[in-house]
Amino acid sequence: MVDMLSLLPEYTTEQFDSRHRLVLVAAQRAKHLLQGSRPNGSSRFTKETTIALDEVLRAKTKYLVGKEAREAMKEAKRGKEGETERIAMMSGDDAREIKKELSNYVDDTAKPAGTEGEE
Protein backbone atom coordinates (compact mmCIF):
# COMPACT_ATOMS: atom_id res chain seq x y z
CA MET A 1 0.00 0.00 0.00
CA VAL A 2 1.26 3.45 -0.89
CA ASP A 3 1.70 5.94 1.91
CA MET A 4 -0.55 8.87 0.85
CA LEU A 5 1.36 11.41 2.90
CA SER A 6 4.51 10.70 0.90
CA LEU A 7 2.66 11.82 -2.24
CA LEU A 8 1.88 15.23 -0.77
CA PRO A 9 4.25 18.11 -1.40
CA GLU A 10 6.72 18.97 1.33
CA TYR A 11 6.19 22.18 3.21
CA THR A 12 8.79 24.69 4.22
CA THR A 13 9.09 26.35 7.59
CA GLU A 14 8.24 29.70 5.98
CA GLN A 15 4.74 28.47 5.16
CA PHE A 16 3.82 27.45 8.70
CA ASP A 17 5.28 28.36 12.03
CA SER A 18 4.55 24.85 13.34
CA ARG A 19 3.17 21.49 12.30
CA HIS A 20 0.38 22.10 14.78
CA ARG A 21 -0.91 25.05 12.71
CA LEU A 22 -0.69 22.95 9.55
CA VAL A 23 -2.87 20.29 11.15
CA LEU A 24 -5.40 22.84 12.45
CA VAL A 25 -5.75 24.59 9.08
CA ALA A 26 -6.06 21.29 7.19
CA ALA A 27 -8.61 19.96 9.71
CA GLN A 28 -10.77 23.06 9.37
CA ARG A 29 -10.58 22.86 5.57
CA ALA A 30 -11.49 19.15 5.66
CA LYS A 31 -14.51 20.03 7.81
CA HIS A 32 -15.63 22.56 5.19
CA LEU A 33 -15.19 19.99 2.42
CA LEU A 34 -17.21 17.41 4.36
CA GLN A 35 -19.99 19.99 4.82
CA GLY A 36 -20.25 20.42 1.05
CA SER A 37 -17.72 23.09 0.12
CA ARG A 38 -16.09 22.65 -3.27
CA PRO A 39 -12.35 21.94 -3.57
CA ASN A 40 -10.11 24.84 -4.60
CA GLY A 41 -8.96 23.55 -7.98
CA SER A 42 -8.44 20.00 -9.08
CA SER A 43 -6.77 17.35 -6.97
CA ARG A 44 -5.56 13.85 -7.67
CA PHE A 45 -6.87 12.73 -4.29
CA THR A 46 -10.41 11.59 -3.50
CA LYS A 47 -10.72 11.76 0.29
CA GLU A 48 -11.64 15.11 1.80
CA THR A 49 -8.93 15.03 4.46
CA THR A 50 -6.18 14.40 1.92
CA ILE A 51 -7.61 17.01 -0.46
CA ALA A 52 -7.62 19.53 2.41
CA LEU A 53 -4.02 18.76 3.34
CA ASP A 54 -2.98 19.02 -0.31
CA GLU A 55 -4.75 22.38 -0.71
CA VAL A 56 -3.15 23.77 2.42
CA LEU A 57 0.35 22.62 1.46
CA ARG A 58 -0.02 24.03 -2.07
CA ALA A 59 -1.23 27.37 -0.60
CA LYS A 60 -4.64 27.13 -2.29
CA THR A 61 -6.34 27.73 1.06
CA LYS A 62 -5.93 31.04 2.85
CA TYR A 63 -5.96 31.31 6.62
CA LEU A 64 -5.63 34.04 9.22
CA VAL A 65 -3.44 34.17 12.31
CA GLY A 66 -3.03 36.51 15.25
CA LYS A 67 -5.02 39.71 15.45
CA GLU A 68 -6.68 39.22 12.05
CA ALA A 69 -7.99 35.80 13.13
CA ARG A 70 -9.38 37.19 16.39
CA GLU A 71 -11.16 40.02 14.55
CA ALA A 72 -12.64 37.58 12.02
CA MET A 73 -13.92 35.37 14.84
CA LYS A 74 -15.55 38.38 16.54
CA GLU A 75 -17.19 39.40 13.27
CA ALA A 76 -18.54 35.88 12.73
CA LYS A 77 -19.91 35.84 16.27
CA ARG A 78 -21.65 39.18 15.71
CA GLY A 79 -23.27 37.75 12.58
CA LYS A 80 -24.57 34.74 14.49
CA GLU A 81 -25.93 36.97 17.26
CA GLY A 82 -27.73 39.12 14.68
CA GLU A 83 -29.35 36.04 13.18
CA THR A 84 -30.45 34.88 16.63
CA GLU A 85 -31.99 38.29 17.34
CA ARG A 86 -33.82 38.25 14.02
CA ILE A 87 -35.32 34.86 14.81
CA ALA A 88 -36.29 36.00 18.32
CA MET A 89 -38.09 39.05 16.91
CA MET A 90 -40.37 37.05 14.63
CA SER A 91 -43.96 38.13 14.85
CA GLY A 92 -46.47 36.19 16.90
CA ASP A 93 -48.09 34.83 13.73
CA ASP A 94 -44.77 33.34 12.61
CA ALA A 95 -44.21 31.75 16.01
CA ARG A 96 -47.71 30.24 16.01
CA GLU A 97 -47.20 28.88 12.50
CA ILE A 98 -43.91 27.25 13.51
CA LYS A 99 -45.50 25.77 16.64
CA LYS A 100 -48.36 24.40 14.54
CA GLU A 101 -45.93 22.76 12.10
CA LEU A 102 -43.84 21.32 14.92
CA SER A 103 -46.91 19.91 16.65
CA ASN A 104 -47.18 17.45 13.77
CA TYR A 105 -43.90 15.92 14.93
CA VAL A 106 -43.89 16.50 18.70
CA ASP A 107 -46.69 15.77 21.11
CA ASP A 108 -46.13 18.03 24.11
CA THR A 109 -49.56 17.66 25.67
CA ALA A 110 -49.64 16.63 29.33
CA LYS A 111 -50.70 13.04 29.97
CA PRO A 112 -53.04 12.20 32.89
CA ALA A 113 -51.11 10.96 35.92
CA GLY A 114 -53.07 7.69 36.28
CA THR A 115 -52.50 6.27 32.77
CA GLU A 116 -48.76 5.60 32.88
CA GLY A 117 -48.56 2.27 34.75
CA GLU A 118 -51.97 0.81 33.88
CA GLU A 119 -52.27 -2.17 31.52
C-alpha atoms as a PDB file:
ATOM      1  CA  MET A   1       0.000   0.000   0.000  1.00  0.00           C
ATOM      2  CA  VAL A   2       1.258   3.448  -0.895  1.00  0.00           C
ATOM      3  CA  ASP A   3       1.699   5.944   1.911  1.00  0.00           C
ATOM      4  CA  MET A   4      -0.546   8.874   0.847  1.00  0.00           C
ATOM      5  CA  LEU A   5       1.360  11.409   2.899  1.00  0.00           C
ATOM      6  CA  SER A   6       4.514  10.700   0.902  1.00  0.00           C
ATOM      7  CA  LEU A   7       2.660  11.819  -2.241  1.00  0.00           C
ATOM      8  CA  LEU A   8       1.877  15.230  -0.770  1.00  0.00           C
ATOM      9  CA  PRO A   9       4.249  18.112  -1.397  1.00  0.00           C
ATOM     10  CA  GLU A  10       6.721  18.967   1.327  1.00  0.00           C
ATOM     11  CA  TYR A  11       6.186  22.181   3.213  1.00  0.00           C
ATOM     12  CA  THR A  12       8.785  24.692   4.218  1.00  0.00           C
ATOM     13  CA  THR A  13       9.095  26.345   7.588  1.00  0.00           C
ATOM     14  CA  GLU A  14       8.243  29.699   5.984  1.00  0.00           C
ATOM     15  CA  GLN A  15       4.735  28.470   5.156  1.00  0.00           C
ATOM     16  CA  PHE A  16       3.819  27.448   8.698  1.00  0.00           C
ATOM     17  CA  ASP A  17       5.277  28.365  12.031  1.00  0.00           C
ATOM     18  CA  SER A  18       4.548  24.847  13.343  1.00  0.00           C
ATOM     19  CA  ARG A  19       3.170  21.488  12.297  1.00  0.00           C
ATOM     20  CA  HIS A  20       0.376  22.097  14.776  1.00  0.00           C
ATOM     21  CA  ARG A  21      -0.905  25.053  12.710  1.00  0.00           C
ATOM     22  CA  LEU A  22      -0.685  22.950   9.547  1.00  0.00           C
ATOM     23  CA  VAL A  23      -2.873  20.290  11.152  1.00  0.00           C
ATOM     24  CA  LEU A  24      -5.403  22.843  12.446  1.00  0.00           C
ATOM     25  CA  VAL A  25      -5.747  24.585   9.082  1.00  0.00           C
ATOM     26  CA  ALA A  26      -6.063  21.286   7.193  1.00  0.00           C
ATOM     27  CA  ALA A  27      -8.609  19.957   9.707  1.00  0.00           C
ATOM     28  CA  GLN A  28     -10.774  23.064   9.371  1.00  0.00           C
ATOM     29  CA  ARG A  29     -10.579  22.864   5.571  1.00  0.00           C
ATOM     30  CA  ALA A  30     -11.487  19.151   5.661  1.00  0.00           C
ATOM     31  CA  LYS A  31     -14.506  20.028   7.808  1.00  0.00           C
ATOM     32  CA  HIS A  32     -15.627  22.561   5.187  1.00  0.00           C
ATOM     33  CA  LEU A  33     -15.187  19.986   2.417  1.00  0.00           C
ATOM     34  CA  LEU A  34     -17.208  17.414   4.359  1.00  0.00           C
ATOM     35  CA  GLN A  35     -19.989  19.991   4.824  1.00  0.00           C
ATOM     36  CA  GLY A  36     -20.247  20.422   1.053  1.00  0.00           C
ATOM     37  CA  SER A  37     -17.722  23.089   0.122  1.00  0.00           C
ATOM     38  CA  ARG A  38     -16.092  22.648  -3.273  1.00  0.00           C
ATOM     39  CA  PRO A  39     -12.353  21.939  -3.570  1.00  0.00           C
ATOM     40  CA  ASN A  40     -10.111  24.836  -4.601  1.00  0.00           C
ATOM     41  CA  GLY A  41      -8.961  23.552  -7.977  1.00  0.00           C
ATOM     42  CA  SER A  42      -8.444  19.997  -9.076  1.00  0.00           C
ATOM     43  CA  SER A  43      -6.770  17.354  -6.972  1.00  0.00           C
ATOM     44  CA  ARG A  44      -5.559  13.854  -7.670  1.00  0.00           C
ATOM     45  CA  PHE A  45      -6.872  12.732  -4.295  1.00  0.00           C
ATOM     46  CA  THR A  46     -10.408  11.588  -3.504  1.00  0.00           C
ATOM     47  CA  LYS A  47     -10.717  11.763   0.289  1.00  0.00           C
ATOM     48  CA  GLU A  48     -11.636  15.115   1.804  1.00  0.00           C
ATOM     49  CA  THR A  49      -8.935  15.029   4.459  1.00  0.00           C
ATOM     50  CA  THR A  50      -6.175  14.404   1.919  1.00  0.00           C
ATOM     51  CA  ILE A  51      -7.607  17.010  -0.460  1.00  0.00           C
ATOM     52  CA  ALA A  52      -7.620  19.526   2.407  1.00  0.00           C
ATOM     53  CA  LEU A  53      -4.024  18.757   3.342  1.00  0.00           C
ATOM     54  CA  ASP A  54      -2.977  19.016  -0.308  1.00  0.00           C
ATOM     55  CA  GLU A  55      -4.748  22.375  -0.710  1.00  0.00           C
ATOM     56  CA  VAL A  56      -3.150  23.773   2.423  1.00  0.00           C
ATOM     57  CA  LEU A  57       0.347  22.622   1.460  1.00  0.00           C
ATOM     58  CA  ARG A  58      -0.018  24.032  -2.068  1.00  0.00           C
ATOM     59  CA  ALA A  59      -1.228  27.371  -0.605  1.00  0.00           C
ATOM     60  CA  LYS A  60      -4.635  27.131  -2.290  1.00  0.00           C
ATOM     61  CA  THR A  61      -6.337  27.733   1.060  1.00  0.00           C
ATOM     62  CA  LYS A  62      -5.926  31.044   2.846  1.00  0.00           C
ATOM     63  CA  TYR A  63      -5.961  31.306   6.618  1.00  0.00           C
ATOM     64  CA  LEU A  64      -5.627  34.038   9.221  1.00  0.00           C
ATOM     65  CA  VAL A  65      -3.436  34.175  12.310  1.00  0.00           C
ATOM     66  CA  GLY A  66      -3.030  36.507  15.254  1.00  0.00           C
ATOM     67  CA  LYS A  67      -5.025  39.711  15.452  1.00  0.00           C
ATOM     68  CA  GLU A  68      -6.680  39.218  12.048  1.00  0.00           C
ATOM     69  CA  ALA A  69      -7.987  35.804  13.127  1.00  0.00           C
ATOM     70  CA  ARG A  70      -9.377  37.186  16.394  1.00  0.00           C
ATOM     71  CA  GLU A  71     -11.160  40.018  14.548  1.00  0.00           C
ATOM     72  CA  ALA A  72     -12.636  37.579  12.015  1.00  0.00           C
ATOM     73  CA  MET A  73     -13.919  35.372  14.840  1.00  0.00           C
ATOM     74  CA  LYS A  74     -15.547  38.381  16.545  1.00  0.00           C
ATOM     75  CA  GLU A  75     -17.191  39.400  13.272  1.00  0.00           C
ATOM     76  CA  ALA A  76     -18.543  35.881  12.731  1.00  0.00           C
ATOM     77  CA  LYS A  77     -19.909  35.838  16.275  1.00  0.00           C
ATOM     78  CA  ARG A  78     -21.646  39.175  15.711  1.00  0.00           C
ATOM     79  CA  GLY A  79     -23.268  37.754  12.584  1.00  0.00           C
ATOM     80  CA  LYS A  80     -24.569  34.740  14.490  1.00  0.00           C
ATOM     81  CA  GLU A  81     -25.932  36.972  17.260  1.00  0.00           C
ATOM     82  CA  GLY A  82     -27.729  39.124  14.679  1.00  0.00           C
ATOM     83  CA  GLU A  83     -29.350  36.036  13.178  1.00  0.00           C
ATOM     84  CA  THR A  84     -30.449  34.883  16.635  1.00  0.00           C
ATOM     85  CA  GLU A  85     -31.993  38.293  17.342  1.00  0.00           C
ATOM     86  CA  ARG A  86     -33.823  38.246  14.015  1.00  0.00           C
ATOM     87  CA  ILE A  87     -35.323  34.856  14.806  1.00  0.00           C
ATOM     88  CA  ALA A  88     -36.288  35.998  18.315  1.00  0.00           C
ATOM     89  CA  MET A  89     -38.086  39.052  16.909  1.00  0.00           C
ATOM     90  CA  MET A  90     -40.369  37.050  14.630  1.00  0.00           C
ATOM     91  CA  SER A  91     -43.964  38.134  14.848  1.00  0.00           C
ATOM     92  CA  GLY A  92     -46.466  36.188  16.898  1.00  0.00           C
ATOM     93  CA  ASP A  93     -48.088  34.826  13.735  1.00  0.00           C
ATOM     94  CA  ASP A  94     -44.770  33.336  12.612  1.00  0.00           C
ATOM     95  CA  ALA A  95     -44.210  31.747  16.008  1.00  0.00           C
ATOM     96  CA  ARG A  96     -47.715  30.243  16.012  1.00  0.00           C
ATOM     97  CA  GLU A  97     -47.202  28.879  12.505  1.00  0.00           C
ATOM     98  CA  ILE A  98     -43.913  27.255  13.510  1.00  0.00           C
ATOM     99  CA  LYS A  99     -45.498  25.774  16.639  1.00  0.00           C
ATOM    100  CA  LYS A 100     -48.355  24.403  14.542  1.00  0.00           C
ATOM    101  CA  GLU A 101     -45.935  22.763  12.104  1.00  0.00           C
ATOM    102  CA  LEU A 102     -43.837  21.319  14.923  1.00  0.00           C
ATOM    103  CA  SER A 103     -46.908  19.914  16.653  1.00  0.00           C
ATOM    104  CA  ASN A 104     -47.181  17.454  13.774  1.00  0.00           C
ATOM    105  CA  TYR A 105     -43.904  15.921  14.931  1.00  0.00           C
ATOM    106  CA  VAL A 106     -43.888  16.501  18.698  1.00  0.00           C
ATOM    107  CA  ASP A 107     -46.690  15.773  21.108  1.00  0.00           C
ATOM    108  CA  ASP A 108     -46.130  18.029  24.113  1.00  0.00           C
ATOM    109  CA  THR A 109     -49.561  17.657  25.666  1.00  0.00           C
ATOM    110  CA  ALA A 110     -49.642  16.626  29.327  1.00  0.00           C
ATOM    111  CA  LYS A 111     -50.702  13.040  29.970  1.00  0.00           C
ATOM    112  CA  PRO A 112     -53.036  12.196  32.885  1.00  0.00           C
ATOM    113  CA  ALA A 113     -51.111  10.956  35.919  1.00  0.00           C
ATOM    114  CA  GLY A 114     -53.067   7.691  36.278  1.00  0.00           C
ATOM    115  CA  THR A 115     -52.498   6.273  32.769  1.00  0.00           C
ATOM    116  CA  GLU A 116     -48.757   5.599  32.879  1.00  0.00           C
ATOM    117  CA  GLY A 117     -48.560   2.273  34.755  1.00  0.00           C
ATOM    118  CA  GLU A 118     -51.973   0.811  33.879  1.00  0.00           C
ATOM    119  CA  GLU A 119     -52.268  -2.170  31.523  1.00  0.00           C
END
